[in-house]
Amino acid sequence: MKSYTQMTLSGFDKKALLSALLAAGMVMGSTGVSALTATGDMTVSATLTSACSVSASTLDFGSIAALNVTADVTGDTGSTLEIACTTGTTTPVIYSTSTRTMTDGGLGSLAFFLSQTSGAAADDLPNTSTGEAIGGTWTANGAAQAVTIYGRIPTSSFAGQPVGSYTATITISVDYL
């Protein structure tokens, strides 16, 4: 058997065949092979919903010499809440349904009041979800903003209470739309 390079083309005009092959290669090379394309549209969507977050610091009344308490004890430095709500959220209402009583882990308990107003004489931070609009210049813009909550322990809470450390954990709620 002869190798490919030794084969001969009998009965064909070699020059004509070579010319035809070269011409076909040039035609195919110049027009190229192109892919067909189909297109379609895709819808992309997202829905942003209102959201708020709340974080709080400790409201510390400090050390109190309970024997000589003649007036309500205030926490007028307050506790700072950091409240952030998405842009466009209605001004939220703030409240706490928690029992407003600190305990010493035993028999002692101290009632306290909460307010958005420094020096408030009453417990004016609502304890129901009807709440109270966040005061001051707070706006829903996505950034955390400080809201101060003040505290007051009424004089009457100290009567008969043992010495010790009193604490409570309360939940501050923010309702928004």
C-alpha atoms as a PDB file:
ATOM      1  CA  MET A   1       0.000   0.000   0.000  1.00  0.00           C
ATOM      2  CA  LYS A   2       1.219   3.431  -0.859  1.00  0.00           C
ATOM      3  CA  SER A   3       1.365   6.226   1.653  1.00  0.00           C
ATOM      4  CA  TYR A   4      -0.813   9.286   1.191  1.00  0.00           C
ATOM      5  CA  THR A   5       2.044  11.301  -0.210  1.00  0.00           C
ATOM      6  CA  GLN A   6       2.648   8.676  -2.844  1.00  0.00           C
ATOM      7  CA  MET A   7      -0.926   8.434  -4.049  1.00  0.00           C
ATOM      8  CA  THR A   8      -1.731   9.745  -7.449  1.00  0.00           C
ATOM      9  CA  LEU A   9      -4.909  11.081  -8.782  1.00  0.00           C
ATOM     10  CA  SER A  10      -5.581   9.316 -11.973  1.00  0.00           C
ATOM     11  CA  GLY A  11      -8.180  10.652 -14.269  1.00  0.00           C
ATOM     12  CA  PHE A  12      -8.284  14.096 -12.621  1.00  0.00           C
ATOM     13  CA  ASP A  13      -6.714  17.261 -13.792  1.00  0.00           C
ATOM     14  CA  LYS A  14      -4.461  17.995 -10.838  1.00  0.00           C
ATOM     15  CA  LYS A  15      -4.199  21.715 -11.544  1.00  0.00           C
ATOM     16  CA  ALA A  16      -7.955  22.129 -11.942  1.00  0.00           C
ATOM     17  CA  LEU A  17      -8.616  20.198  -8.725  1.00  0.00           C
ATOM     18  CA  LEU A  18      -6.051  22.214  -6.791  1.00  0.00           C
ATOM     19  CA  SER A  19      -7.512  25.479  -8.100  1.00  0.00           C
ATOM     20  CA  ALA A  20     -11.037  24.402  -7.120  1.00  0.00           C
ATOM     21  CA  LEU A  21      -9.930  23.449  -3.606  1.00  0.00           C
ATOM     22  CA  LEU A  22      -8.090  26.734  -3.112  1.00  0.00           C
ATOM     23  CA  ALA A  23     -11.061  28.735  -4.374  1.00  0.00           C
ATOM     24  CA  ALA A  24     -13.443  26.875  -2.056  1.00  0.00           C
ATOM     25  CA  GLY A  25     -11.131  27.516   0.910  1.00  0.00           C
ATOM     26  CA  MET A  26     -10.946  31.215   0.105  1.00  0.00           C
ATOM     27  CA  VAL A  27     -14.707  31.519  -0.228  1.00  0.00           C
ATOM     28  CA  MET A  28     -15.340  29.724   3.053  1.00  0.00           C
ATOM     29  CA  GLY A  29     -12.589  31.693   4.796  1.00  0.00           C
ATOM     30  CA  SER A  30     -13.875  35.038   3.593  1.00  0.00           C
ATOM     31  CA  THR A  31     -17.510  34.480   4.515  1.00  0.00           C
ATOM     32  CA  GLY A  32     -16.749  32.674   7.781  1.00  0.00           C
ATOM     33  CA  VAL A  33     -19.231  30.625   9.698  1.00  0.00           C
ATOM     34  CA  SER A  34     -21.514  32.742  11.866  1.00  0.00           C
ATOM     35  CA  ALA A  35     -23.753  31.641  14.733  1.00  0.00           C
ATOM     36  CA  LEU A  36     -27.405  32.438  14.722  1.00  0.00           C
ATOM     37  CA  THR A  37     -28.731  34.577  17.586  1.00  0.00           C
ATOM     38  CA  ALA A  38     -32.084  34.632  19.334  1.00  0.00           C
ATOM     39  CA  THR A  39     -32.969  37.206  22.011  1.00  0.00           C
ATOM     40  CA  GLY A  40     -35.541  37.535  24.745  1.00  0.00           C
ATOM     41  CA  ASP A  41     -36.291  40.014  27.506  1.00  0.00           C
ATOM     42  CA  MET A  42     -35.971  39.194  31.196  1.00  0.00           C
ATOM     43  CA  THR A  43     -37.681  41.221  33.917  1.00  0.00           C
ATOM     44  CA  VAL A  44     -35.621  41.970  37.030  1.00  0.00           C
ATOM     45  CA  SER A  45     -37.396  43.169  40.164  1.00  0.00           C
ATOM     46  CA  ALA A  46     -36.929  43.722  43.895  1.00  0.00           C
ATOM     47  CA  THR A  47     -39.252  44.967  46.602  1.00  0.00           C
ATOM     48  CA  LEU A  48     -37.774  46.939  49.485  1.00  0.00           C
ATOM     49  CA  THR A  49     -39.802  46.720  52.662  1.00  0.00           C
ATOM     50  CA  SER A  50     -39.761  48.860  55.761  1.00  0.00           C
ATOM     51  CA  ALA A  51     -37.418  47.722  58.501  1.00  0.00           C
ATOM     52  CA  CYS A  52     -36.159  49.101  61.794  1.00  0.00           C
ATOM     53  CA  SER A  53     -33.534  48.019  64.310  1.00  0.00           C
ATOM     54  CA  VAL A  54     -33.119  48.990  67.966  1.00  0.00           C
ATOM     55  CA  SER A  55     -30.137  48.685  70.306  1.00  0.00           C
ATOM     56  CA  ALA A  56     -29.885  50.127  73.814  1.00  0.00           C
ATOM     57  CA  SER A  57     -27.351  51.078  76.455  1.00  0.00           C
ATOM     58  CA  THR A  58     -27.796  50.665  80.230  1.00  0.00           C
ATOM     59  CA  LEU A  59     -29.910  53.143  82.201  1.00  0.00           C
ATOM     60  CA  ASP A  60     -27.860  53.419  85.409  1.00  0.00           C
ATOM     61  CA  PHE A  61     -29.278  55.195  88.445  1.00  0.00           C
ATOM     62  CA  GLY A  62     -25.937  54.799  90.232  1.00  0.00           C
ATOM     63  CA  SER A  63     -25.493  54.220  93.980  1.00  0.00           C
ATOM     64  CA  ILE A  64     -28.328  55.506  96.146  1.00  0.00           C
ATOM     65  CA  ALA A  65     -28.218  56.074  99.919  1.00  0.00           C
ATOM     66  CA  ALA A  66     -31.801  54.904 100.414  1.00  0.00           C
ATOM     67  CA  LEU A  67     -32.028  56.004 104.069  1.00  0.00           C
ATOM     68  CA  ASN A  68     -32.162  59.694 103.213  1.00  0.00           C
ATOM     69  CA  VAL A  69     -34.102  59.697  99.932  1.00  0.00           C
ATOM     70  CA  THR A  70     -36.455  62.669 100.059  1.00  0.00           C
ATOM     71  CA  ALA A  71     -37.142  63.091  96.364  1.00  0.00           C
ATOM     72  CA  ASP A  72     -37.495  60.894  93.318  1.00  0.00           C
ATOM     73  CA  VAL A  73     -34.175  59.611  91.991  1.00  0.00           C
ATOM     74  CA  THR A  74     -33.683  60.356  88.327  1.00  0.00           C
ATOM     75  CA  GLY A  75     -31.511  58.812  85.694  1.00  0.00           C
ATOM     76  CA  ASP A  76     -31.403  62.055  83.770  1.00  0.00           C
ATOM     77  CA  THR A  77     -28.315  61.084  81.829  1.00  0.00           C
ATOM     78  CA  GLY A  78     -30.645  58.517  80.328  1.00  0.00           C
ATOM     79  CA  SER A  79     -30.080  55.451  78.229  1.00  0.00           C
ATOM     80  CA  THR A  80     -29.316  55.885  74.574  1.00  0.00           C
ATOM     81  CA  LEU A  81     -31.306  53.849  72.116  1.00  0.00           C
ATOM     82  CA  GLU A  82     -29.907  53.585  68.617  1.00  0.00           C
ATOM     83  CA  ILE A  83     -32.874  53.316  66.259  1.00  0.00           C
ATOM     84  CA  ALA A  84     -32.470  52.927  62.509  1.00  0.00           C
ATOM     85  CA  CYS A  85     -35.319  52.601  60.009  1.00  0.00           C
ATOM     86  CA  THR A  86     -35.265  52.385  56.230  1.00  0.00           C
ATOM     87  CA  THR A  87     -35.846  55.555  54.269  1.00  0.00           C
ATOM     88  CA  GLY A  88     -39.544  56.182  53.769  1.00  0.00           C
ATOM     89  CA  THR A  89     -40.631  54.363  56.928  1.00  0.00           C
ATOM     90  CA  THR A  90     -43.285  56.271  58.844  1.00  0.00           C
ATOM     91  CA  THR A  91     -42.079  57.746  62.137  1.00  0.00           C
ATOM     92  CA  PRO A  92     -42.234  54.757  64.458  1.00  0.00           C
ATOM     93  CA  VAL A  93     -43.925  54.647  67.821  1.00  0.00           C
ATOM     94  CA  ILE A  94     -41.899  53.542  70.822  1.00  0.00           C
ATOM     95  CA  TYR A  95     -43.130  51.696  73.911  1.00  0.00           C
ATOM     96  CA  SER A  96     -42.248  49.035  76.461  1.00  0.00           C
ATOM     97  CA  THR A  97     -44.662  46.396  77.721  1.00  0.00           C
ATOM     98  CA  SER A  98     -42.089  45.152  80.255  1.00  0.00           C
ATOM     99  CA  THR A  99     -42.797  45.364  83.973  1.00  0.00           C
ATOM    100  CA  ARG A 100     -40.984  48.417  85.252  1.00  0.00           C
ATOM    101  CA  THR A 101     -39.631  46.927  88.434  1.00  0.00           C
ATOM    102  CA  MET A 102     -36.017  46.206  89.331  1.00  0.00           C
ATOM    103  CA  THR A 103     -35.375  43.346  91.752  1.00  0.00           C
ATOM    104  CA  ASP A 104     -32.423  42.362  93.922  1.00  0.00           C
ATOM    105  CA  GLY A 105     -32.847  38.669  93.176  1.00  0.00           C
ATOM    106  CA  GLY A 106     -34.533  38.164  96.531  1.00  0.00           C
ATOM    107  CA  LEU A 107     -37.403  40.007  98.181  1.00  0.00           C
ATOM    108  CA  GLY A 108     -36.476  43.576  97.249  1.00  0.00           C
ATOM    109  CA  SER A 109     -38.022  45.491  94.358  1.00  0.00           C
ATOM    110  CA  LEU A 110     -37.889  49.061  93.077  1.00  0.00           C
ATOM    111  CA  ALA A 111     -40.487  50.469  90.696  1.00  0.00           C
ATOM    112  CA  PHE A 112     -39.252  52.920  88.078  1.00  0.00           C
ATOM    113  CA  PHE A 113     -40.679  55.141  85.356  1.00  0.00           C
ATOM    114  CA  LEU A 114     -39.501  55.685  81.786  1.00  0.00           C
ATOM    115  CA  SER A 115     -39.859  58.791  79.638  1.00  0.00           C
ATOM    116  CA  GLN A 116     -38.522  60.450  76.512  1.00  0.00           C
ATOM    117  CA  THR A 117     -38.487  63.702  78.489  1.00  0.00           C
ATOM    118  CA  SER A 118     -35.730  64.592  80.967  1.00  0.00           C
ATOM    119  CA  GLY A 119     -37.132  65.304  84.426  1.00  0.00           C
ATOM    120  CA  ALA A 120     -40.581  63.907  83.628  1.00  0.00           C
ATOM    121  CA  ALA A 121     -42.642  63.400  86.772  1.00  0.00           C
ATOM    122  CA  ALA A 122     -44.557  60.414  85.444  1.00  0.00           C
ATOM    123  CA  ASP A 123     -44.129  57.182  83.546  1.00  0.00           C
ATOM    124  CA  ASP A 124     -44.971  58.653  80.165  1.00  0.00           C
ATOM    125  CA  LEU A 125     -43.325  56.086  77.893  1.00  0.00           C
ATOM    126  CA  PRO A 126     -46.387  54.054  76.934  1.00  0.00           C
ATOM    127  CA  ASN A 127     -46.583  50.388  77.825  1.00  0.00           C
ATOM    128  CA  THR A 128     -48.958  49.503  74.998  1.00  0.00           C
ATOM    129  CA  SER A 129     -48.438  49.231  71.282  1.00  0.00           C
ATOM    130  CA  THR A 130     -50.344  52.471  70.693  1.00  0.00           C
ATOM    131  CA  GLY A 131     -46.993  53.924  71.704  1.00  0.00           C
ATOM    132  CA  GLU A 132     -45.649  57.417  71.377  1.00  0.00           C
ATOM    133  CA  ALA A 133     -43.993  58.855  68.298  1.00  0.00           C
ATOM    134  CA  ILE A 134     -40.239  59.137  68.627  1.00  0.00           C
ATOM    135  CA  GLY A 135     -39.558  62.704  69.651  1.00  0.00           C
ATOM    136  CA  GLY A 136     -36.975  65.220  68.546  1.00  0.00           C
ATOM    137  CA  THR A 137     -35.537  65.477  65.068  1.00  0.00           C
ATOM    138  CA  TRP A 138     -35.482  61.734  64.374  1.00  0.00           C
ATOM    139  CA  THR A 139     -36.065  60.788  60.722  1.00  0.00           C
ATOM    140  CA  ALA A 140     -36.178  57.481  58.876  1.00  0.00           C
ATOM    141  CA  ASN A 141     -33.111  57.659  56.643  1.00  0.00           C
ATOM    142  CA  GLY A 142     -31.440  54.276  57.123  1.00  0.00           C
ATOM    143  CA  ALA A 143     -28.870  55.561  59.627  1.00  0.00           C
ATOM    144  CA  ALA A 144     -28.889  54.752  63.345  1.00  0.00           C
ATOM    145  CA  GLN A 145     -29.963  57.782  65.358  1.00  0.00           C
ATOM    146  CA  ALA A 146     -29.854  58.343  69.102  1.00  0.00           C
ATOM    147  CA  VAL A 147     -33.071  58.497  71.113  1.00  0.00           C
ATOM    148  CA  THR A 148     -32.663  59.060  74.848  1.00  0.00           C
ATOM    149  CA  ILE A 149     -34.873  57.308  77.395  1.00  0.00           C
ATOM    150  CA  TYR A 150     -34.832  58.800  80.892  1.00  0.00           C
ATOM    151  CA  GLY A 151     -35.693  57.058  84.131  1.00  0.00           C
ATOM    152  CA  ARG A 152     -37.077  57.975  87.536  1.00  0.00           C
ATOM    153  CA  ILE A 153     -37.422  55.949  90.740  1.00  0.00           C
ATOM    154  CA  PRO A 154     -40.228  57.392  92.871  1.00  0.00           C
ATOM    155  CA  THR A 155     -39.401  58.100  96.530  1.00  0.00           C
ATOM    156  CA  SER A 156     -42.107  55.673  97.641  1.00  0.00           C
ATOM    157  CA  SER A 157     -40.217  52.736  96.048  1.00  0.00           C
ATOM    158  CA  PHE A 158     -37.396  52.867  98.630  1.00  0.00           C
ATOM    159  CA  ALA A 159     -39.479  52.247 101.776  1.00  0.00           C
ATOM    160  CA  GLY A 160     -38.540  48.951 103.419  1.00  0.00           C
ATOM    161  CA  GLN A 161     -36.253  47.738 100.628  1.00  0.00           C
ATOM    162  CA  PRO A 162     -33.080  45.834 101.557  1.00  0.00           C
ATOM    163  CA  VAL A 163     -29.669  47.028 100.390  1.00  0.00           C
ATOM    164  CA  GLY A 164     -28.280  45.345  97.311  1.00  0.00           C
ATOM    165  CA  SER A 165     -27.950  45.596  93.561  1.00  0.00           C
ATOM    166  CA  TYR A 166     -31.245  45.923  91.719  1.00  0.00           C
ATOM    167  CA  THR A 167     -31.623  45.153  88.039  1.00  0.00           C
ATOM    168  CA  ALA A 168     -34.251  44.633  85.389  1.00  0.00           C
ATOM    169  CA  THR A 169     -34.156  43.807  81.711  1.00  0.00           C
ATOM    170  CA  ILE A 170     -36.846  45.504  79.710  1.00  0.00           C
ATOM    171  CA  THR A 171     -37.754  45.335  76.066  1.00  0.00           C
ATOM    172  CA  ILE A 172     -38.123  48.538  74.092  1.00  0.00           C
ATOM    173  CA  SER A 173     -40.390  48.036  71.080  1.00  0.00           C
ATOM    174  CA  VAL A 174     -40.674  50.144  67.958  1.00  0.00           C
ATOM    175  CA  ASP A 175     -43.715  49.757  65.694  1.00  0.00           C
ATOM    176  CA  TYR A 176     -43.401  51.073  62.141  1.00  0.00           C
ATOM    177  CA  LEU A 177     -45.000  50.923  58.716  1.00  0.00           C
END
